[in-house]
Amino acid sequence: MPRSGRVKKRLLPPDPIYGNRLVTKFINKVMKKGKKTVAQKLVYKAFDRIKEKGKDPIEIFKDAVRNVQPMMQVKSRRVGGASYQVPTPVRGDKRISLAIRWLILEAKKRPNKEYHTFDQKLEAELLDAAQGQGGAVKRREVSHKMAEANKAFSHFRW
């Protein structure tokens, strides 16, 4: 954090195949230990599998991210020695980041019996999320339920 002013948000370049900034963000999140080409291959393989099924991979991806984005979340807030889970709305960039993170985490969690490689798991999670199913959508629902259950503490919002 700088002492003076705010840091300007840097724009990511669009990805080389689809020309989409959201896909670039997704690839960067899949990436481990700086191996971007490996992450690109995994994501593009998953997109190719979706394309083989006769669906537009970018539309499926956008629908999946849109269906997973949380509107509300709970944040811990200490008031007079007690900790309360205070529901707060989630701003735009944070919503997208959470959606992407949840999609990747839930794809990793999928069992190895049905899906052997990460690109197969990712493809299945994206297709499920686009239809409003899957682990990532359940995470969003749990987040919303927590916010709804703790609505009584919303006056502690800062």
Protein backbone atom coordinates (compact mmCIF):
# COMPACT_ATOMS: atom_id res chain seq x y z
CA MET A 1 0.00 0.00 0.00
CA PRO A 2 1.45 3.33 -1.01
CA ARG A 3 1.59 6.27 1.37
CA SER A 4 0.18 8.67 -1.17
CA GLY A 5 -2.72 8.12 -3.55
CA ARG A 6 -4.17 4.95 -4.95
CA VAL A 7 -2.47 2.42 -7.15
CA LYS A 8 -3.87 2.34 -10.67
CA LYS A 9 -5.33 -1.00 -11.66
CA ARG A 10 -3.32 -2.53 -14.49
CA LEU A 11 -5.26 -3.90 -17.44
CA LEU A 12 -4.47 -7.48 -18.41
CA PRO A 13 -3.79 -8.14 -22.09
CA PRO A 14 -6.43 -10.28 -23.84
CA ASP A 15 -5.58 -13.96 -24.27
CA PRO A 16 -3.99 -14.98 -27.61
CA ILE A 17 -6.72 -17.34 -28.89
CA TYR A 18 -10.06 -15.87 -27.80
CA GLY A 19 -9.01 -12.25 -27.25
CA ASN A 20 -10.79 -12.14 -23.89
CA ARG A 21 -9.41 -10.47 -20.73
CA LEU A 22 -11.53 -12.69 -18.43
CA VAL A 23 -9.93 -15.81 -19.95
CA THR A 24 -6.48 -14.27 -19.27
CA LYS A 25 -7.45 -13.73 -15.64
CA PHE A 26 -8.65 -17.35 -15.45
CA ILE A 27 -5.41 -18.68 -16.98
CA ASN A 28 -3.35 -16.60 -14.52
CA LYS A 29 -5.32 -18.11 -11.64
CA VAL A 30 -4.83 -21.68 -12.93
CA MET A 31 -1.08 -21.03 -13.32
CA LYS A 32 1.29 -22.55 -10.78
CA LYS A 33 4.91 -21.56 -10.19
CA GLY A 34 4.94 -19.17 -13.17
CA LYS A 35 4.24 -21.89 -15.76
CA LYS A 36 1.82 -19.94 -17.92
CA THR A 37 2.06 -22.13 -21.03
CA VAL A 38 1.06 -25.19 -18.99
CA ALA A 39 -1.94 -23.30 -17.60
CA GLN A 40 -2.90 -22.08 -21.10
CA LYS A 41 -2.75 -25.63 -22.46
CA LEU A 42 -5.01 -26.90 -19.67
CA VAL A 43 -7.60 -24.15 -20.09
CA TYR A 44 -7.59 -24.31 -23.89
CA LYS A 45 -7.90 -28.12 -23.79
CA ALA A 46 -10.96 -27.77 -21.56
CA PHE A 47 -12.38 -25.16 -23.97
CA ASP A 48 -11.69 -27.48 -26.95
CA ARG A 49 -13.58 -30.29 -25.20
CA ILE A 50 -16.53 -27.94 -24.74
CA LYS A 51 -16.31 -26.94 -28.41
CA GLU A 52 -16.36 -30.64 -29.42
CA LYS A 53 -19.73 -30.94 -27.69
CA GLY A 54 -21.08 -28.28 -30.06
CA LYS A 55 -21.16 -25.41 -27.56
CA ASP A 56 -19.41 -22.04 -27.58
CA PRO A 57 -16.68 -22.25 -24.91
CA ILE A 58 -16.57 -18.49 -24.25
CA GLU A 59 -20.35 -18.33 -23.70
CA ILE A 60 -20.21 -21.37 -21.40
CA PHE A 61 -17.29 -19.78 -19.49
CA LYS A 62 -19.08 -16.42 -19.13
CA ASP A 63 -22.30 -18.15 -17.99
CA ALA A 64 -20.32 -20.22 -15.48
CA VAL A 65 -18.62 -17.14 -14.01
CA ARG A 66 -21.93 -15.23 -13.95
CA ASN A 67 -23.70 -18.10 -12.13
CA VAL A 68 -20.94 -18.46 -9.52
CA GLN A 69 -20.47 -14.75 -8.67
CA PRO A 70 -21.63 -14.03 -5.10
CA MET A 71 -23.71 -10.92 -4.41
CA MET A 72 -23.27 -10.99 -0.60
CA GLN A 73 -20.58 -12.30 1.72
CA VAL A 74 -19.97 -12.28 5.46
CA LYS A 75 -17.03 -10.51 7.09
CA SER A 76 -15.97 -10.83 10.71
CA ARG A 77 -16.38 -7.66 12.74
CA ARG A 78 -15.36 -7.29 16.39
CA VAL A 79 -17.77 -5.24 18.45
CA GLY A 80 -17.29 -5.00 22.20
CA GLY A 81 -15.32 -8.22 22.62
CA ALA A 82 -17.65 -10.30 20.44
CA SER A 83 -17.10 -11.29 16.82
CA TYR A 84 -20.06 -10.96 14.48
CA GLN A 85 -20.43 -12.24 10.95
CA VAL A 86 -21.66 -9.10 9.20
CA PRO A 87 -23.19 -9.47 5.72
CA THR A 88 -21.71 -7.09 3.15
CA PRO A 89 -22.25 -6.72 -0.60
CA VAL A 90 -19.40 -7.87 -2.84
CA ARG A 91 -18.01 -5.32 -5.33
CA GLY A 92 -17.45 -6.13 -9.02
CA ASP A 93 -13.79 -7.14 -9.19
CA LYS A 94 -13.99 -9.17 -6.00
CA ARG A 95 -17.06 -11.04 -7.33
CA ILE A 96 -15.21 -12.10 -10.46
CA SER A 97 -12.10 -13.10 -8.50
CA LEU A 98 -14.13 -15.22 -6.07
CA ALA A 99 -16.04 -16.87 -8.92
CA ILE A 100 -12.83 -17.79 -10.74
CA ARG A 101 -11.19 -19.05 -7.54
CA TRP A 102 -14.22 -21.20 -6.65
CA LEU A 103 -14.43 -22.69 -10.15
CA ILE A 104 -10.78 -23.77 -10.00
CA LEU A 105 -11.00 -25.10 -6.43
CA GLU A 106 -14.11 -27.14 -7.18
CA ALA A 107 -12.59 -28.47 -10.40
CA LYS A 108 -9.56 -29.67 -8.40
CA LYS A 109 -11.84 -31.35 -5.85
CA ARG A 110 -13.64 -33.49 -8.45
CA PRO A 111 -13.02 -37.23 -8.01
CA ASN A 112 -10.33 -38.96 -10.07
CA LYS A 113 -12.59 -41.92 -10.86
CA GLU A 114 -14.59 -40.14 -13.56
CA TYR A 115 -12.12 -37.43 -14.61
CA HIS A 116 -8.44 -38.27 -14.84
CA THR A 117 -6.88 -34.96 -15.88
CA PHE A 118 -7.39 -31.38 -14.71
CA ASP A 119 -8.68 -30.23 -18.09
CA GLN A 120 -11.45 -32.88 -17.92
CA LYS A 121 -12.36 -31.75 -14.40
CA LEU A 122 -12.32 -28.10 -15.47
CA GLU A 123 -14.54 -28.81 -18.46
CA ALA A 124 -17.07 -30.66 -16.28
CA GLU A 125 -17.09 -27.90 -13.65
CA LEU A 126 -17.57 -25.16 -16.27
CA LEU A 127 -20.45 -27.04 -17.92
CA ASP A 128 -22.10 -27.69 -14.53
CA ALA A 129 -21.67 -24.09 -13.39
CA ALA A 130 -23.12 -22.77 -16.66
CA GLN A 131 -26.25 -24.84 -15.94
CA GLY A 132 -26.44 -23.63 -12.33
CA GLN A 133 -25.13 -26.84 -10.77
CA GLY A 134 -21.80 -28.06 -9.41
CA GLY A 135 -19.63 -27.33 -6.40
CA ALA A 136 -18.84 -23.71 -7.25
CA VAL A 137 -22.53 -22.78 -7.43
CA LYS A 138 -23.08 -24.55 -4.09
CA ARG A 139 -20.31 -22.39 -2.59
CA ARG A 140 -22.11 -19.26 -3.76
CA GLU A 141 -25.38 -20.53 -2.26
CA VAL A 142 -23.66 -21.25 1.06
CA SER A 143 -22.20 -17.73 1.05
CA HIS A 144 -25.66 -16.25 0.40
CA LYS A 145 -27.24 -18.41 3.12
CA MET A 146 -24.64 -17.24 5.64
CA ALA A 147 -25.34 -13.62 4.71
CA GLU A 148 -29.10 -14.20 5.00
CA ALA A 149 -28.75 -15.95 8.38
CA ASN A 150 -26.68 -13.08 9.78
CA LYS A 151 -28.88 -10.31 8.44
CA ALA A 152 -29.61 -9.26 12.04
CA PHE A 153 -26.01 -8.03 12.39
CA SER A 154 -26.08 -5.88 9.25
CA HIS A 155 -26.28 -2.71 11.36
CA PHE A 156 -22.63 -3.37 12.37
CA ARG A 157 -21.54 -2.78 8.77
CA TRP A 158 -18.79 -0.20 8.59
